[in-house]
Amino acid sequence: MSSFDRTLSPNRPRIALVITRSEIGGAQTHILALLPALLVRYDVCLFTGHAGPLTENAQALGTSVVTVSETEDLRAFGLAQALRAFRPDLIHVHSFKAAMLGRWVAQFMKVPVVYTVHGWAHTSTASRAFRNMAAHIERRFVPLTHALITLTASDQNHAVRLGYAEACIKRIPNGIEDTEHHAVAYRTKSPVDIVMPARFCRQKDHKTAIKTLNALPKGMARLTFLGDGPTQNAIQAQAKSLGLSPDVVRFLGKRDDVAAQIAKAQIFLHLSHYEGQPYAIIEALRAGLPCLITDLPGADALIESGKEGWRVPPEDPETARKILGRLASDPARRFEMGQNARLKYETAHRLHHMTTPTLALYDQILAEQRPLQPRPRMRTAQL
């Protein structure tokens, strides 16, 4: 007998979404974008380590939510209990730790698992010991993965090298809904507005962004940061030490109007140390902005240098300065690249480019399983 109060349909397929943390990042944004389409067809429950922005937004959409720990991480025993109570027909795991724990539990429940890779943990800037351990775990868990979703061709190729069969890999890009906020990239103004929406953390390279802006001629550009996080104070101190005034480098913090803020700019900047497939860049494509990004696996699939913008080597403020200087002084080039960016969004990264193949994959896997058994109904709970 389940510990849940039963209020879900006894006949619709049940999908468990598992992710480690409830913060707002790329993987969490991905889940929130999927949920409206999933809820039309399935009974969905989100399992995560703790309450936060993700769980709040998911519940607002009508999703059942289970938090399985009092800390910010998932715990194996709590996740196993919660999943057994929910009795899913399919488990979809996101992020390295959730993928490890979710697949471990699923093998005992004999439930198929879909794993979406939002960047491989063993190719990040973590310590060598962690990267070696993560790569070993990924290889050991290959046989427990019914289907693997990669966002980019580079991640797909890496999955093959890890031992995944090509037949079980599906490349499905991130997608987002359109908005009314479109940029005017060719607008002539001084200074030119550059925007960088990114959480202040060790993954994002705000330090190089500041160095790049400081190397531009005075009065040419103004940089606006959107977001907050643990490294913000250090970046603000860096800007101050270089004599960059609050009018030249603006820290607007966490915003609810990110799309509108992006659309106010003429150039989009996104510098990182590692990436999956950043939603921020897709938001810039949607707005029709020329983009300057770090040349990294994952992000490289979004921007072709010379077309939608430019890719620069990691931690290379001099190359970034040269390209930003050219873009800032050439409205016609910004317009051309902005048009190309918008076309990339329309042809590859609308919401249905993500939801339609994901639902088709679910239905294919569910059709291969035994017929669903009638079950009692359940409601949201916390274990």
Protein backbone atom coordinates (compact mmCIF):
# COMPACT_ATOMS: atom_id res chain seq x y z
CA MET A 1 0.00 0.00 0.00
CA SER A 2 1.49 3.35 -1.07
CA SER A 3 2.04 6.06 1.51
CA PHE A 4 0.72 8.60 -1.00
CA ASP A 5 -2.82 9.88 -0.93
CA ARG A 6 -4.09 8.63 -4.24
CA THR A 7 -5.42 11.32 -6.55
CA LEU A 8 -3.70 10.59 -9.87
CA SER A 9 -5.33 8.72 -12.73
CA PRO A 10 -5.09 4.93 -12.32
CA ASN A 11 -4.85 4.39 -16.08
CA ARG A 12 -2.50 7.03 -17.52
CA PRO A 13 1.22 6.23 -17.77
CA ARG A 14 3.27 7.54 -14.87
CA ILE A 15 6.49 9.41 -15.53
CA ALA A 16 9.03 10.11 -12.78
CA LEU A 17 11.38 13.03 -13.39
CA VAL A 18 14.48 12.88 -11.17
CA ILE A 19 16.98 15.70 -10.68
CA THR A 20 19.41 16.42 -7.88
CA ARG A 21 18.73 20.05 -7.03
CA SER A 22 15.82 22.47 -7.21
CA GLU A 23 17.80 25.55 -8.19
CA ILE A 24 17.25 27.21 -11.54
CA GLY A 25 19.88 26.13 -14.04
CA GLY A 26 19.94 24.61 -17.50
CA ALA A 27 18.68 21.16 -16.51
CA GLN A 28 15.93 22.63 -14.34
CA THR A 29 14.86 25.01 -17.11
CA HIS A 30 14.74 22.03 -19.46
CA ILE A 31 12.37 20.18 -17.13
CA LEU A 32 10.07 23.17 -16.68
CA ALA A 33 9.89 23.61 -20.45
CA LEU A 34 8.92 19.95 -20.90
CA LEU A 35 6.31 19.78 -18.15
CA PRO A 36 3.28 21.40 -19.84
CA ALA A 37 3.48 18.95 -22.76
CA LEU A 38 4.07 15.96 -20.46
CA LEU A 39 1.14 16.77 -18.18
CA VAL A 40 -1.31 16.61 -21.07
CA ARG A 41 -0.47 12.96 -21.72
CA TYR A 42 0.95 11.47 -18.53
CA ASP A 43 0.77 11.58 -14.76
CA VAL A 44 4.07 13.18 -13.79
CA CYS A 45 5.89 13.40 -10.48
CA LEU A 46 9.09 15.37 -9.92
CA PHE A 47 11.62 13.93 -7.45
CA THR A 48 14.40 16.18 -6.18
CA GLY A 49 16.58 16.64 -3.15
CA HIS A 50 14.93 19.72 -1.68
CA ALA A 51 12.32 22.39 -2.25
CA GLY A 52 13.28 25.45 -4.27
CA PRO A 53 12.50 27.43 -7.42
CA LEU A 54 12.14 24.29 -9.55
CA THR A 55 9.62 22.61 -7.24
CA GLU A 56 7.67 25.84 -6.80
CA ASN A 57 7.35 26.37 -10.55
CA ALA A 58 6.57 22.71 -11.18
CA GLN A 59 3.77 22.72 -8.60
CA ALA A 60 2.35 25.88 -10.14
CA LEU A 61 2.01 23.91 -13.39
CA GLY A 62 0.10 21.16 -11.55
CA THR A 63 2.96 18.68 -11.17
CA SER A 64 3.19 16.32 -8.21
CA VAL A 65 6.44 16.92 -6.32
CA VAL A 66 8.39 14.79 -3.85
CA THR A 67 11.42 16.05 -1.96
CA VAL A 68 13.51 13.18 -0.65
CA SER A 69 16.06 14.91 1.58
CA GLU A 70 16.35 17.75 4.07
CA THR A 71 19.62 18.73 2.37
CA GLU A 72 20.20 20.01 -1.17
CA ASP A 73 21.09 16.57 -2.53
CA LEU A 74 19.27 13.37 -3.36
CA ARG A 75 19.70 10.42 -1.03
CA ALA A 76 19.58 6.87 -2.38
CA PHE A 77 17.30 5.37 0.28
CA GLY A 78 14.81 8.24 0.21
CA LEU A 79 14.68 8.19 -3.58
CA ALA A 80 14.13 4.42 -3.63
CA GLN A 81 11.26 4.71 -1.15
CA ALA A 82 9.62 7.54 -3.06
CA LEU A 83 9.90 5.89 -6.46
CA ARG A 84 8.52 2.61 -5.18
CA ALA A 85 5.53 4.46 -3.74
CA PHE A 86 4.89 6.27 -7.04
CA ARG A 87 5.35 3.12 -9.17
CA PRO A 88 6.38 4.85 -12.38
CA ASP A 89 6.18 3.29 -15.82
CA LEU A 90 9.23 5.28 -16.92
CA ILE A 91 11.94 7.21 -15.07
CA HIS A 92 13.62 10.20 -16.72
CA VAL A 93 16.81 11.27 -14.95
CA HIS A 94 18.67 14.58 -15.31
CA SER A 95 22.16 15.47 -14.03
CA PHE A 96 24.99 13.17 -13.04
CA LYS A 97 24.04 12.24 -9.48
CA ALA A 98 20.34 11.87 -10.24
CA ALA A 99 21.22 9.69 -13.21
CA MET A 100 23.41 7.46 -11.07
CA LEU A 101 20.87 7.03 -8.26
CA GLY A 102 17.82 6.86 -10.51
CA ARG A 103 19.29 4.10 -12.67
CA TRP A 104 20.45 2.19 -9.60
CA VAL A 105 16.90 2.19 -8.17
CA ALA A 106 15.26 1.49 -11.53
CA GLN A 107 17.19 -1.76 -12.06
CA PHE A 108 15.52 -3.25 -8.98
CA MET A 109 12.11 -1.89 -9.97
CA LYS A 110 12.56 -3.17 -13.55
CA VAL A 111 11.48 0.20 -14.93
CA PRO A 112 13.02 1.71 -18.11
CA VAL A 113 15.19 4.79 -17.69
CA VAL A 114 15.76 7.74 -20.01
CA TYR A 115 18.84 9.82 -19.20
CA THR A 116 19.26 13.36 -20.53
CA VAL A 117 22.87 14.54 -20.45
CA HIS A 118 23.22 18.24 -19.65
CA GLY A 119 26.98 18.16 -20.07
CA TRP A 120 29.19 15.29 -18.92
CA ALA A 121 30.43 15.58 -15.33
CA HIS A 122 33.79 14.04 -16.22
CA THR A 123 34.57 16.69 -18.84
CA SER A 124 34.03 19.66 -16.51
CA THR A 125 36.68 21.67 -14.66
CA ALA A 126 36.41 19.47 -11.56
CA SER A 127 39.45 17.73 -10.11
CA ARG A 128 41.11 14.92 -12.06
CA ALA A 129 40.11 12.43 -9.35
CA PHE A 130 36.45 13.39 -9.67
CA ARG A 131 36.56 13.30 -13.47
CA ASN A 132 38.09 9.82 -13.44
CA MET A 133 35.51 8.60 -10.93
CA ALA A 134 32.62 10.14 -12.92
CA ALA A 135 33.81 8.59 -16.19
CA HIS A 136 34.08 5.17 -14.51
CA ILE A 137 30.53 5.48 -13.14
CA GLU A 138 29.15 6.56 -16.51
CA ARG A 139 30.64 3.47 -18.17
CA ARG A 140 29.34 1.12 -15.46
CA PHE A 141 25.81 2.50 -15.78
CA VAL A 142 25.58 2.26 -19.58
CA PRO A 143 23.75 -1.13 -19.45
CA LEU A 144 21.12 0.35 -17.09
CA THR A 145 20.11 3.08 -19.55
CA HIS A 146 17.19 2.32 -21.86
CA ALA A 147 17.64 5.53 -23.87
CA LEU A 148 20.11 8.40 -23.73
CA ILE A 149 19.17 11.91 -24.83
CA THR A 150 22.03 14.19 -25.83
CA LEU A 151 21.61 17.85 -26.68
CA THR A 152 24.50 18.14 -29.12
CA ALA A 153 26.47 16.10 -31.64
CA SER A 154 29.61 16.36 -29.52
CA ASP A 155 27.82 14.81 -26.52
CA GLN A 156 26.41 12.13 -28.81
CA ASN A 157 29.89 11.23 -30.06
CA HIS A 158 31.21 11.17 -26.51
CA ALA A 159 28.39 8.80 -25.50
CA VAL A 160 29.48 6.35 -28.20
CA ARG A 161 33.03 6.48 -26.84
CA LEU A 162 31.66 5.67 -23.37
CA GLY A 163 30.04 2.53 -24.75
CA TYR A 164 26.46 3.57 -25.53
CA ALA A 165 25.01 1.91 -28.62
CA GLU A 166 24.12 4.41 -31.30
CA ALA A 167 20.61 2.94 -31.49
CA CYS A 168 19.83 4.00 -27.92
CA ILE A 169 21.06 7.60 -28.35
CA LYS A 170 18.60 10.31 -29.36
CA ARG A 171 19.87 13.82 -30.08
CA ILE A 172 17.17 16.28 -29.03
CA PRO A 173 18.15 19.97 -28.72
CA ASN A 174 16.89 22.34 -26.07
CA GLY A 175 13.90 24.42 -27.10
CA ILE A 176 11.96 27.36 -25.67
CA GLU A 177 8.71 29.17 -26.33
CA ASP A 178 8.77 32.35 -28.37
CA THR A 179 8.16 35.76 -26.80
CA GLU A 180 7.25 39.24 -27.97
CA HIS A 181 10.69 40.55 -26.96
CA HIS A 182 12.88 40.88 -30.06
CA ALA A 183 16.10 42.88 -30.18
CA VAL A 184 17.02 45.73 -32.52
CA ALA A 185 20.63 44.67 -33.00
CA TYR A 186 21.35 47.25 -35.71
CA ARG A 187 20.28 50.21 -33.58
CA THR A 188 22.95 52.89 -33.64
CA LYS A 189 23.71 54.13 -30.15
CA SER A 190 26.68 54.92 -28.00
CA PRO A 191 27.60 53.12 -25.90
CA VAL A 192 26.50 49.82 -27.45
CA ASP A 193 24.70 47.63 -24.92
CA ILE A 194 26.15 44.16 -24.26
CA VAL A 195 24.22 41.72 -22.07
CA MET A 196 25.45 38.60 -20.25
CA PRO A 197 22.76 36.63 -18.38
CA ALA A 198 24.55 33.99 -16.31
CA ARG A 199 24.61 32.84 -12.72
CA PHE A 200 27.69 34.03 -10.84
CA CYS A 201 29.49 30.73 -10.21
CA ARG A 202 32.75 29.03 -11.10
CA GLN A 203 31.27 27.63 -14.33
CA LYS A 204 30.75 31.10 -15.84
CA ASP A 205 33.68 33.29 -16.82
CA HIS A 206 32.58 36.76 -15.69
CA LYS A 207 36.22 37.60 -14.98
CA THR A 208 37.15 37.43 -18.68
CA ALA A 209 34.03 39.43 -19.55
CA ILE A 210 35.23 42.25 -17.28
CA LYS A 211 38.75 42.12 -18.73
CA THR A 212 37.31 42.25 -22.26
CA LEU A 213 35.14 45.27 -21.55
CA ASN A 214 38.04 47.08 -19.86
CA ALA A 215 40.17 46.60 -22.99
CA LEU A 216 37.61 48.27 -25.29
CA PRO A 217 37.90 52.00 -26.05
CA LYS A 218 36.20 54.07 -23.37
CA GLY A 219 32.60 54.90 -24.16
CA MET A 220 32.25 52.20 -26.83
CA ALA A 221 30.19 49.68 -24.84
CA ARG A 222 28.27 49.08 -21.65
CA LEU A 223 27.98 45.61 -20.09
CA THR A 224 24.93 44.41 -18.16
CA PHE A 225 25.07 41.28 -16.02
CA LEU A 226 21.83 39.45 -15.22
CA GLY A 227 21.84 36.94 -12.37
CA ASP A 228 23.30 36.42 -8.94
CA GLY A 229 25.42 33.82 -7.19
CA PRO A 230 28.41 33.14 -4.97
CA THR A 231 31.07 34.83 -7.15
CA GLN A 232 29.19 38.10 -7.69
CA ASN A 233 31.00 40.04 -4.97
CA ALA A 234 34.40 39.08 -6.40
CA ILE A 235 33.40 40.20 -9.90
CA GLN A 236 32.04 43.49 -8.59
CA ALA A 237 35.34 44.04 -6.77
CA GLN A 238 37.24 43.28 -10.00
CA ALA A 239 35.19 45.86 -11.93
CA LYS A 240 35.75 48.45 -9.22
CA SER A 241 39.50 47.82 -9.10
CA LEU A 242 39.72 48.48 -12.84
CA GLY A 243 37.87 51.77 -12.48
CA LEU A 244 34.76 50.59 -14.34
CA SER A 245 31.87 52.67 -13.07
CA PRO A 246 28.35 51.32 -12.32
CA ASP A 247 27.22 53.03 -15.53
CA VAL A 248 29.69 50.95 -17.56
CA VAL A 249 29.21 47.61 -15.78
CA ARG A 250 25.73 47.08 -14.43
CA PHE A 251 24.79 44.28 -12.02
CA LEU A 252 21.01 43.91 -12.22
CA GLY A 253 20.80 40.71 -10.18
CA LYS A 254 18.22 37.96 -10.58
CA ARG A 255 15.41 39.13 -12.86
CA ASP A 256 11.96 37.92 -13.81
CA ASP A 257 12.12 39.85 -17.11
CA VAL A 258 15.24 38.25 -18.63
CA ALA A 259 13.77 38.09 -22.15
CA ALA A 260 12.95 41.81 -22.07
CA GLN A 261 16.40 42.69 -20.72
CA ILE A 262 18.15 40.63 -23.42
CA ALA A 263 16.08 42.34 -26.12
CA LYS A 264 17.33 45.76 -24.97
CA ALA A 265 20.90 44.89 -25.94
CA GLN A 266 22.68 44.96 -29.29
CA ILE A 267 25.24 42.21 -28.52
CA PHE A 268 24.96 39.04 -26.44
CA LEU A 269 27.96 37.78 -24.45
CA HIS A 270 28.30 34.35 -22.86
CA LEU A 271 31.71 33.26 -21.54
CA SER A 272 32.13 29.98 -19.66
CA HIS A 273 34.60 27.33 -18.58
CA TYR A 274 32.32 24.39 -19.53
CA GLU A 275 28.77 23.98 -20.83
CA GLY A 276 25.95 21.64 -21.82
CA GLN A 277 23.68 23.51 -24.21
CA PRO A 278 23.02 26.86 -22.54
CA TYR A 279 19.47 28.16 -22.53
CA ALA A 280 20.82 31.70 -22.29
CA ILE A 281 22.31 31.43 -25.78
CA ILE A 282 19.04 30.05 -27.14
CA GLU A 283 17.27 33.05 -25.57
CA ALA A 284 19.68 35.30 -27.46
CA LEU A 285 18.96 33.45 -30.72
CA ARG A 286 15.25 33.92 -30.07
CA ALA A 287 15.75 37.65 -29.50
CA GLY A 288 17.75 37.98 -32.71
CA LEU A 289 21.05 39.07 -31.18
CA PRO A 290 24.57 38.53 -32.52
CA CYS A 291 26.42 36.38 -30.00
CA LEU A 292 29.97 36.16 -28.72
CA ILE A 293 30.47 32.91 -26.80
CA THR A 294 33.26 30.67 -25.54
CA ASP A 295 34.15 27.90 -27.97
CA LEU A 296 33.14 24.87 -25.89
CA PRO A 297 31.48 21.51 -26.62
CA GLY A 298 27.74 22.02 -26.35
CA ALA A 299 27.66 25.74 -26.94
CA ASP A 300 29.49 25.31 -30.24
CA ALA A 301 26.38 23.73 -31.80
CA LEU A 302 24.44 26.95 -31.31
CA ILE A 303 26.78 29.52 -32.88
CA GLU A 304 28.69 29.20 -36.13
CA SER A 305 31.51 31.74 -36.17
CA GLY A 306 30.80 34.41 -38.75
CA LYS A 307 27.11 33.52 -39.03
CA GLU A 308 25.11 33.94 -35.78
CA GLY A 309 28.10 35.47 -34.02
CA TRP A 310 31.55 34.36 -32.99
CA ARG A 311 33.16 31.71 -30.82
CA VAL A 312 36.36 32.60 -28.98
CA PRO A 313 38.88 30.44 -27.08
CA PRO A 314 38.37 30.11 -23.31
CA GLU A 315 39.85 32.88 -21.14
CA ASP A 316 40.97 34.94 -24.13
CA PRO A 317 39.99 38.58 -23.50
CA GLU A 318 42.17 39.89 -26.34
CA THR A 319 40.36 37.90 -29.04
CA ALA A 320 37.02 38.75 -27.45
CA ARG A 321 37.98 42.44 -27.41
CA LYS A 322 38.79 42.47 -31.13
CA ILE A 323 35.49 40.84 -32.08
CA LEU A 324 33.38 42.96 -29.72
CA GLY A 325 35.07 46.06 -31.07
CA ARG A 326 34.18 45.13 -34.64
CA LEU A 327 30.59 44.29 -33.75
CA ALA A 328 30.13 47.45 -31.70
CA SER A 329 31.22 49.62 -34.63
CA ASP A 330 29.29 47.77 -37.37
CA PRO A 331 25.46 47.96 -37.07
CA ALA A 332 24.96 46.31 -40.46
CA ARG A 333 26.98 43.26 -39.39
CA ARG A 334 25.04 43.06 -36.14
CA PHE A 335 21.79 43.14 -38.11
CA GLU A 336 22.91 40.33 -40.43
CA MET A 337 24.05 38.13 -37.57
CA GLY A 338 20.93 38.92 -35.58
CA GLN A 339 18.77 37.77 -38.50
CA ASN A 340 20.78 34.56 -38.74
CA ALA A 341 20.40 34.03 -34.99
CA ARG A 342 16.64 34.37 -35.18
CA LEU A 343 16.52 31.91 -38.09
CA LYS A 344 18.54 29.37 -36.07
CA TYR A 345 15.97 29.64 -33.27
CA GLU A 346 13.01 29.27 -35.60
CA THR A 347 14.41 26.23 -37.40
CA ALA A 348 16.01 24.31 -34.52
CA HIS A 349 15.14 25.57 -31.04
CA ARG A 350 11.44 26.29 -30.78
CA LEU A 351 9.76 24.45 -27.93
CA HIS A 352 8.26 21.77 -30.17
CA HIS A 353 11.72 20.83 -31.43
CA MET A 354 12.31 19.49 -27.91
CA THR A 355 8.89 18.32 -26.71
CA THR A 356 7.70 16.42 -29.80
CA PRO A 357 10.65 13.98 -30.08
CA THR A 358 10.81 13.56 -26.29
CA LEU A 359 7.16 12.50 -26.09
CA ALA A 360 7.64 10.24 -29.10
CA LEU A 361 10.54 8.54 -27.30
CA TYR A 362 8.44 8.07 -24.16
CA ASP A 363 5.58 6.55 -26.18
CA GLN A 364 7.95 4.22 -28.01
CA ILE A 365 9.45 2.94 -24.76
CA LEU A 366 6.08 2.60 -23.03
CA ALA A 367 4.68 0.67 -26.00
CA GLU A 368 7.52 -1.85 -25.63
CA GLN A 369 6.67 -2.48 -21.97
CA ARG A 370 3.94 -4.74 -20.61
CA PRO A 371 0.41 -3.25 -20.53
CA LEU A 372 -0.11 -0.76 -17.73
CA GLN A 373 -1.92 -2.10 -14.70
CA PRO A 374 -4.81 -0.16 -13.12
CA ARG A 375 -3.58 1.54 -9.96
CA PRO A 376 -4.96 3.63 -7.11
CA ARG A 377 -4.78 7.40 -7.29
CA MET A 378 -2.21 9.55 -5.48
CA ARG A 379 -1.49 13.17 -4.62
CA THR A 380 1.63 15.21 -3.89
CA ALA A 381 3.51 14.13 -0.79
CA GLN A 382 6.80 14.65 1.00
CA LEU A 383 8.68 11.70 2.41
